[in-house]
PDB file of all heavy atoms in Angstrom:
ATOM      1  N   ALA A   1     -22.797  -3.021 -10.703  1.00  0.00           N
ATOM      2  CA  ALA A   1     -22.155  -4.144 -11.427  1.00  0.00           C
ATOM      3  C   ALA A   1     -21.142  -4.842 -10.553  1.00  0.00           C
ATOM      4  O   ALA A   1     -21.027  -6.065 -10.555  1.00  0.00           O
ATOM      5  CB  ALA A   1     -21.498  -3.603 -12.681  1.00  0.00           C
ATOM      6  N   ALA A   2     -20.435  -4.049  -9.691  1.00  0.00           N
ATOM      7  CA  ALA A   2     -19.436  -4.649  -8.794  1.00  0.00           C
ATOM      8  C   ALA A   2     -20.093  -5.619  -7.804  1.00  0.00           C
ATOM      9  O   ALA A   2     -19.498  -6.597  -7.430  1.00  0.00           O
ATOM     10  CB  ALA A   2     -18.675  -3.532  -8.078  1.00  0.00           C
ATOM     11  N   LYS A   3     -21.274  -5.273  -7.331  1.00  0.00           N
ATOM     12  CA  LYS A   3     -21.952  -6.113  -6.364  1.00  0.00           C
ATOM     13  C   LYS A   3     -22.328  -7.466  -6.996  1.00  0.00           C
ATOM     14  O   LYS A   3     -22.421  -8.458  -6.319  1.00  0.00           O
ATOM     15  CB  LYS A   3     -23.174  -5.404  -5.869  1.00  0.00           C
ATOM     16  CG  LYS A   3     -22.906  -4.216  -4.962  1.00  0.00           C
ATOM     17  CD  LYS A   3     -24.121  -3.548  -4.535  1.00  0.00           C
ATOM     18  CE  LYS A   3     -23.868  -2.298  -3.669  1.00  0.00           C
ATOM     19  NZ  LYS A   3     -25.128  -1.582  -3.238  1.00  0.00           N
ATOM     20  N   GLU A   4     -22.547  -7.458  -8.310  1.00  0.00           N
ATOM     21  CA  GLU A   4     -23.020  -8.683  -8.978  1.00  0.00           C
ATOM     22  C   GLU A   4     -21.859  -9.556  -9.458  1.00  0.00           C
ATOM     23  O   GLU A   4     -22.005 -10.747  -9.566  1.00  0.00           O
ATOM     24  CB  GLU A   4     -23.876  -8.279 -10.169  1.00  0.00           C
ATOM     25  CG  GLU A   4     -25.142  -7.572  -9.790  1.00  0.00           C
ATOM     26  CD  GLU A   4     -25.901  -7.010 -10.998  1.00  0.00           C
ATOM     27  OE1 GLU A   4     -25.392  -7.216 -12.166  1.00  0.00           O
ATOM     28  OE2 GLU A   4     -26.942  -6.392 -10.832  1.00  0.00           O
ATOM     29  N   SER A   5     -20.681  -8.942  -9.690  1.00  0.00           N
ATOM     30  CA  SER A   5     -19.550  -9.730 -10.254  1.00  0.00           C
ATOM     31  C   SER A   5     -18.419  -9.728  -9.282  1.00  0.00           C
ATOM     32  O   SER A   5     -18.066  -8.704  -8.678  1.00  0.00           O
ATOM     33  CB  SER A   5     -19.139  -9.102 -11.612  1.00  0.00           C
ATOM     34  OG  SER A   5     -20.176  -9.054 -12.519  1.00  0.00           O
ATOM     35  N   PRO A   6     -17.740 -10.890  -9.174  1.00  0.00           N
ATOM     36  CA  PRO A   6     -16.517 -10.938  -8.392  1.00  0.00           C
ATOM     37  C   PRO A   6     -15.434 -10.040  -8.979  1.00  0.00           C
ATOM     38  O   PRO A   6     -15.310  -9.994 -10.232  1.00  0.00           O
ATOM     39  CB  PRO A   6     -16.110 -12.417  -8.430  1.00  0.00           C
ATOM     40  CG  PRO A   6     -17.329 -13.133  -8.890  1.00  0.00           C
ATOM     41  CD  PRO A   6     -18.044 -12.187  -9.766  1.00  0.00           C
ATOM     42  N   VAL A   7     -14.669  -9.367  -8.160  1.00  0.00           N
ATOM     43  CA  VAL A   7     -13.597  -8.502  -8.649  1.00  0.00           C
ATOM     44  C   VAL A   7     -12.282  -9.051  -8.180  1.00  0.00           C
ATOM     45  O   VAL A   7     -12.046  -9.314  -7.007  1.00  0.00           O
ATOM     46  CB  VAL A   7     -13.792  -7.063  -8.150  1.00  0.00           C
ATOM     47  CG1 VAL A   7     -12.587  -6.200  -8.547  1.00  0.00           C
ATOM     48  CG2 VAL A   7     -15.066  -6.454  -8.710  1.00  0.00           C
ATOM     49  N   VAL A   8     -11.363  -9.242  -9.119  1.00  0.00           N
ATOM     50  CA  VAL A   8      -9.988  -9.682  -8.829  1.00  0.00           C
ATOM     51  C   VAL A   8      -9.041  -8.564  -9.218  1.00  0.00           C
ATOM     52  O   VAL A   8      -8.905  -8.216 -10.371  1.00  0.00           O
ATOM     53  CB  VAL A   8      -9.617 -10.979  -9.584  1.00  0.00           C
ATOM     54  CG1 VAL A   8      -8.137 -11.291  -9.369  1.00  0.00           C
ATOM     55  CG2 VAL A   8     -10.477 -12.118  -9.112  1.00  0.00           C
ATOM     56  N   ASP A   9      -8.365  -8.003  -8.202  1.00  0.00           N
ATOM     57  CA  ASP A   9      -7.363  -6.982  -8.419  1.00  0.00           C
ATOM     58  C   ASP A   9      -6.055  -7.615  -7.850  1.00  0.00           C
ATOM     59  O   ASP A   9      -5.815  -7.608  -6.671  1.00  0.00           O
ATOM     60  CB  ASP A   9      -7.726  -5.699  -7.668  1.00  0.00           C
ATOM     61  CG  ASP A   9      -6.599  -4.641  -7.810  1.00  0.00           C
ATOM     62  OD1 ASP A   9      -5.724  -4.821  -8.683  1.00  0.00           O
ATOM     63  OD2 ASP A   9      -6.613  -3.674  -7.021  1.00  0.00           O
ATOM     64  N   LEU A  10      -5.212  -8.140  -8.784  1.00  0.00           N
ATOM     65  CA  LEU A  10      -3.996  -8.836  -8.371  1.00  0.00           C
ATOM     66  C   LEU A  10      -2.826  -7.886  -8.366  1.00  0.00           C
ATOM     67  O   LEU A  10      -2.496  -7.243  -9.361  1.00  0.00           O
ATOM     68  CB  LEU A  10      -3.708  -9.991  -9.328  1.00  0.00           C
ATOM     69  CG  LEU A  10      -2.423 -10.771  -9.066  1.00  0.00           C
ATOM     70  CD1 LEU A  10      -2.484 -11.449  -7.717  1.00  0.00           C
ATOM     71  CD2 LEU A  10      -2.150 -11.787 -10.180  1.00  0.00           C
ATOM     72  N   LEU A  11      -2.170  -7.762  -7.240  1.00  0.00           N
ATOM     73  CA  LEU A  11      -0.954  -6.975  -7.106  1.00  0.00           C
ATOM     74  C   LEU A  11       0.231  -7.900  -7.351  1.00  0.00           C
ATOM     75  O   LEU A  11       0.365  -8.925  -6.678  1.00  0.00           O
ATOM     76  CB  LEU A  11      -0.870  -6.370  -5.714  1.00  0.00           C
ATOM     77  CG  LEU A  11       0.323  -5.500  -5.351  1.00  0.00           C
ATOM     78  CD1 LEU A  11       0.379  -4.251  -6.267  1.00  0.00           C
ATOM     79  CD2 LEU A  11       0.286  -5.041  -3.893  1.00  0.00           C
ATOM     80  N   HIS A  12       1.113  -7.547  -8.292  1.00  0.00           N
ATOM     81  CA  HIS A  12       2.170  -8.451  -8.683  1.00  0.00           C
ATOM     82  C   HIS A  12       3.357  -7.672  -9.264  1.00  0.00           C
ATOM     83  O   HIS A  12       3.297  -6.438  -9.364  1.00  0.00           O
ATOM     84  CB  HIS A  12       1.646  -9.434  -9.719  1.00  0.00           C
ATOM     85  CG  HIS A  12       1.197  -8.744 -11.024  1.00  0.00           C
ATOM     86  ND1 HIS A  12       2.048  -8.553 -12.063  1.00  0.00           N
ATOM     87  CD2 HIS A  12       0.005  -8.196 -11.384  1.00  0.00           C
ATOM     88  CE1 HIS A  12       1.396  -7.967 -13.074  1.00  0.00           C
ATOM     89  NE2 HIS A  12       0.161  -7.760 -12.644  1.00  0.00           N
ATOM     90  N   PHE A  13       4.390  -8.432  -9.656  1.00  0.00           N
ATOM     91  CA  PHE A  13       5.558  -7.794 -10.276  1.00  0.00           C
ATOM     92  C   PHE A  13       5.938  -8.535 -11.560  1.00  0.00           C
ATOM     93  O   PHE A  13       7.099  -8.530 -11.999  1.00  0.00           O
ATOM     94  CB  PHE A  13       6.733  -7.832  -9.288  1.00  0.00           C
ATOM     95  CG  PHE A  13       7.095  -9.209  -8.741  1.00  0.00           C
ATOM     96  CD1 PHE A  13       8.089  -9.943  -9.327  1.00  0.00           C
ATOM     97  CD2 PHE A  13       6.366  -9.746  -7.692  1.00  0.00           C
ATOM     98  CE1 PHE A  13       8.408 -11.221  -8.824  1.00  0.00           C
ATOM     99  CE2 PHE A  13       6.647 -10.994  -7.230  1.00  0.00           C
ATOM    100  CZ  PHE A  13       7.681 -11.743  -7.775  1.00  0.00           C
ATOM    101  N   TRP A  14       4.985  -9.204 -12.176  1.00  0.00           N
ATOM    102  CA  TRP A  14       5.227  -9.912 -13.442  1.00  0.00           C
ATOM    103  C   TRP A  14       5.063  -8.926 -14.586  1.00  0.00           C
ATOM    104  O   TRP A  14       3.927  -8.622 -15.007  1.00  0.00           O
ATOM    105  CB  TRP A  14       4.245 -11.066 -13.612  1.00  0.00           C
ATOM    106  CG  TRP A  14       4.599 -12.219 -12.741  1.00  0.00           C
ATOM    107  CD1 TRP A  14       5.779 -12.593 -12.240  1.00  0.00           C
ATOM    108  CD2 TRP A  14       3.658 -13.262 -12.251  1.00  0.00           C
ATOM    109  NE1 TRP A  14       5.718 -13.755 -11.516  1.00  0.00           N
ATOM    110  CE2 TRP A  14       4.452 -14.201 -11.540  1.00  0.00           C
ATOM    111  CE3 TRP A  14       2.284 -13.471 -12.435  1.00  0.00           C
ATOM    112  CZ2 TRP A  14       3.885 -15.309 -10.925  1.00  0.00           C
ATOM    113  CZ3 TRP A  14       1.743 -14.557 -11.821  1.00  0.00           C
ATOM    114  CH2 TRP A  14       2.492 -15.481 -11.096  1.00  0.00           C
ATOM    115  N   ILE A  15       6.165  -8.443 -15.136  1.00  0.00           N
ATOM    116  CA  ILE A  15       6.082  -7.417 -16.206  1.00  0.00           C
ATOM    117  C   ILE A  15       6.857  -7.773 -17.467  1.00  0.00           C
ATOM    118  O   ILE A  15       6.704  -7.083 -18.478  1.00  0.00           O
ATOM    119  CB  ILE A  15       6.603  -6.046 -15.675  1.00  0.00           C
ATOM    120  CG1 ILE A  15       8.069  -6.190 -15.226  1.00  0.00           C
ATOM    121  CG2 ILE A  15       5.739  -5.546 -14.514  1.00  0.00           C
ATOM    122  CD1 ILE A  15       8.731  -4.897 -14.847  1.00  0.00           C
ATOM    123  N   SER A  16       7.576  -8.859 -17.489  1.00  0.00           N
ATOM    124  CA  SER A  16       8.288  -9.275 -18.707  1.00  0.00           C
ATOM    125  C   SER A  16       7.310  -9.989 -19.628  1.00  0.00           C
ATOM    126  O   SER A  16       6.243 -10.425 -19.194  1.00  0.00           O
ATOM    127  CB  SER A  16       9.473 -10.190 -18.376  1.00  0.00           C
ATOM    128  OG  SER A  16       9.016 -11.443 -17.934  1.00  0.00           O
ATOM    129  N   PRO A  17       7.670 -10.130 -20.931  1.00  0.00           N
ATOM    130  CA  PRO A  17       6.723 -10.810 -21.853  1.00  0.00           C
ATOM    131  C   PRO A  17       6.330 -12.204 -21.443  1.00  0.00           C
ATOM    132  O   PRO A  17       5.147 -12.567 -21.509  1.00  0.00           O
ATOM    133  CB  PRO A  17       7.542 -10.817 -23.162  1.00  0.00           C
ATOM    134  CG  PRO A  17       8.441  -9.659 -23.084  1.00  0.00           C
ATOM    135  CD  PRO A  17       8.819  -9.558 -21.601  1.00  0.00           C
ATOM    136  N   GLY A  18       7.244 -13.011 -20.974  1.00  0.00           N
ATOM    137  CA  GLY A  18       6.942 -14.386 -20.535  1.00  0.00           C
ATOM    138  C   GLY A  18       6.021 -14.367 -19.300  1.00  0.00           C
ATOM    139  O   GLY A  18       5.085 -15.170 -19.202  1.00  0.00           O
ATOM    140  N   GLU A  19       6.272 -13.474 -18.344  1.00  0.00           N
ATOM    141  CA  GLU A  19       5.491 -13.355 -17.156  1.00  0.00           C
ATOM    142  C   GLU A  19       4.092 -12.891 -17.481  1.00  0.00           C
ATOM    143  O   GLU A  19       3.101 -13.406 -16.947  1.00  0.00           O
ATOM    144  CB  GLU A  19       6.163 -12.409 -16.171  1.00  0.00           C
ATOM    145  CG  GLU A  19       7.468 -12.915 -15.598  1.00  0.00           C
ATOM    146  CD  GLU A  19       8.220 -11.888 -14.808  1.00  0.00           C
ATOM    147  OE1 GLU A  19       8.037 -10.647 -15.114  1.00  0.00           O
ATOM    148  OE2 GLU A  19       9.003 -12.225 -13.915  1.00  0.00           O
ATOM    149  N   ILE A  20       3.971 -11.923 -18.380  1.00  0.00           N
ATOM    150  CA  ILE A  20       2.636 -11.440 -18.801  1.00  0.00           C
ATOM    151  C   ILE A  20       1.840 -12.520 -19.474  1.00  0.00           C
ATOM    152  O   ILE A  20       0.637 -12.660 -19.238  1.00  0.00           O
ATOM    153  CB  ILE A  20       2.777 -10.202 -19.662  1.00  0.00           C
ATOM    154  CG1 ILE A  20       3.373  -9.038 -18.841  1.00  0.00           C
ATOM    155  CG2 ILE A  20       1.454  -9.777 -20.283  1.00  0.00           C
ATOM    156  CD1 ILE A  20       3.745  -7.829 -19.655  1.00  0.00           C
ATOM    157  N   SER A  21       2.539 -13.309 -20.288  1.00  0.00           N
ATOM    158  CA  SER A  21       1.870 -14.412 -20.988  1.00  0.00           C
ATOM    159  C   SER A  21       1.274 -15.420 -19.954  1.00  0.00           C
ATOM    160  O   SER A  21       0.176 -15.835 -20.136  1.00  0.00           O
ATOM    161  CB  SER A  21       2.843 -15.114 -21.936  1.00  0.00           C
ATOM    162  OG  SER A  21       2.256 -16.228 -22.525  1.00  0.00           O
ATOM    163  N   ALA A  22       2.063 -15.730 -18.955  1.00  0.00           N
ATOM    164  CA  ALA A  22       1.582 -16.628 -17.899  1.00  0.00           C
ATOM    165  C   ALA A  22       0.432 -16.014 -17.102  1.00  0.00           C
ATOM    166  O   ALA A  22      -0.576 -16.655 -16.788  1.00  0.00           O
ATOM    167  CB  ALA A  22       2.732 -17.008 -16.973  1.00  0.00           C
ATOM    168  N   LEU A  23       0.571 -14.727 -16.805  1.00  0.00           N
ATOM    169  CA  LEU A  23      -0.467 -13.996 -16.080  1.00  0.00           C
ATOM    170  C   LEU A  23      -1.812 -13.996 -16.839  1.00  0.00           C
ATOM    171  O   LEU A  23      -2.889 -14.081 -16.240  1.00  0.00           O
ATOM    172  CB  LEU A  23      -0.022 -12.581 -15.829  1.00  0.00           C
ATOM    173  CG  LEU A  23      -0.932 -11.668 -14.983  1.00  0.00           C
ATOM    174  CD1 LEU A  23      -1.085 -12.216 -13.553  1.00  0.00           C
ATOM    175  CD2 LEU A  23      -0.408 -10.229 -14.930  1.00  0.00           C
ATOM    176  N   ASN A  24      -1.710 -13.950 -18.145  1.00  0.00           N
ATOM    177  CA  ASN A  24      -2.891 -13.897 -18.990  1.00  0.00           C
ATOM    178  C   ASN A  24      -3.717 -15.216 -18.831  1.00  0.00           C
ATOM    179  O   ASN A  24      -4.894 -15.199 -19.093  1.00  0.00           O
ATOM    180  CB  ASN A  24      -2.548 -13.676 -20.449  1.00  0.00           C
ATOM    181  CG  ASN A  24      -2.129 -12.237 -20.693  1.00  0.00           C
ATOM    182  OD1 ASN A  24      -2.413 -11.366 -19.890  1.00  0.00           O
ATOM    183  ND2 ASN A  24      -1.426 -11.965 -21.804  1.00  0.00           N
ATOM    184  N   THR A  25      -3.037 -16.310 -18.488  1.00  0.00           N
ATOM    185  CA  THR A  25      -3.805 -17.565 -18.295  1.00  0.00           C
ATOM    186  C   THR A  25      -4.659 -17.447 -17.045  1.00  0.00           C
ATOM    187  O   THR A  25      -5.716 -18.079 -16.956  1.00  0.00           O
ATOM    188  CB  THR A  25      -2.895 -18.784 -18.133  1.00  0.00           C
ATOM    189  OG1 THR A  25      -2.179 -18.744 -16.891  1.00  0.00           O
ATOM    190  CG2 THR A  25      -1.874 -18.854 -19.303  1.00  0.00           C
ATOM    191  N   ILE A  26      -4.245 -16.647 -16.056  1.00  0.00           N
ATOM    192  CA  ILE A  26      -5.043 -16.416 -14.854  1.00  0.00           C
ATOM    193  C   ILE A  26      -6.188 -15.428 -15.148  1.00  0.00           C
ATOM    194  O   ILE A  26      -7.344 -15.673 -14.790  1.00  0.00           O
ATOM    195  CB  ILE A  26      -4.181 -15.921 -13.714  1.00  0.00           C
ATOM    196  CG1 ILE A  26      -3.126 -17.008 -13.318  1.00  0.00           C
ATOM    197  CG2 ILE A  26      -5.029 -15.523 -12.480  1.00  0.00           C
ATOM    198  CD1 ILE A  26      -2.179 -16.560 -12.226  1.00  0.00           C
ATOM    199  N   SER A  27      -5.873 -14.321 -15.818  1.00  0.00           N
ATOM    200  CA  SER A  27      -6.905 -13.355 -16.121  1.00  0.00           C
ATOM    201  C   SER A  27      -7.976 -13.944 -17.006  1.00  0.00           C
ATOM    202  O   SER A  27      -9.191 -13.600 -16.834  1.00  0.00           O
ATOM    203  CB  SER A  27      -6.279 -12.147 -16.756  1.00  0.00           C
ATOM    204  OG  SER A  27      -5.770 -12.429 -18.081  1.00  0.00           O
ATOM    205  N   ALA A  28      -7.627 -14.823 -17.920  1.00  0.00           N
ATOM    206  CA  ALA A  28      -8.621 -15.444 -18.790  1.00  0.00           C
ATOM    207  C   ALA A  28      -9.538 -16.301 -17.994  1.00  0.00           C
ATOM    208  O   ALA A  28     -10.787 -16.287 -18.233  1.00  0.00           O
ATOM    209  CB  ALA A  28      -7.915 -16.316 -19.874  1.00  0.00           C
ATOM    210  N   GLN A  29      -9.044 -17.036 -16.995  1.00  0.00           N
ATOM    211  CA  GLN A  29      -9.907 -17.827 -16.143  1.00  0.00           C
ATOM    212  C   GLN A  29     -10.878 -16.979 -15.339  1.00  0.00           C
ATOM    213  O   GLN A  29     -12.085 -17.281 -15.194  1.00  0.00           O
ATOM    214  CB  GLN A  29      -9.051 -18.673 -15.202  1.00  0.00           C
ATOM    215  CG  GLN A  29      -8.363 -19.842 -15.810  1.00  0.00           C
ATOM    216  CD  GLN A  29      -9.304 -21.041 -15.880  1.00  0.00           C
ATOM    217  OE1 GLN A  29     -10.497 -20.993 -15.690  1.00  0.00           O
ATOM    218  NE2 GLN A  29      -8.732 -22.212 -16.265  1.00  0.00           N
ATOM    219  N   VAL A  30     -10.367 -15.829 -14.821  1.00  0.00           N
ATOM    220  CA  VAL A  30     -11.220 -14.937 -14.056  1.00  0.00           C
ATOM    221  C   VAL A  30     -12.361 -14.416 -14.899  1.00  0.00           C
ATOM    222  O   VAL A  30     -13.531 -14.456 -14.521  1.00  0.00           O
ATOM    223  CB  VAL A  30     -10.396 -13.738 -13.494  1.00  0.00           C
ATOM    224  CG1 VAL A  30     -11.312 -12.661 -12.920  1.00  0.00           C
ATOM    225  CG2 VAL A  30      -9.406 -14.222 -12.444  1.00  0.00           C
TER     226      VAL A  30
END
């Protein structure tokens, strides 16, 4: 499955509620 689908593993430090909310806009796009 990994060979067929792009994998995004983002290393970050966004852990507050607002930061996670913004991060979710990126994960949704992925």
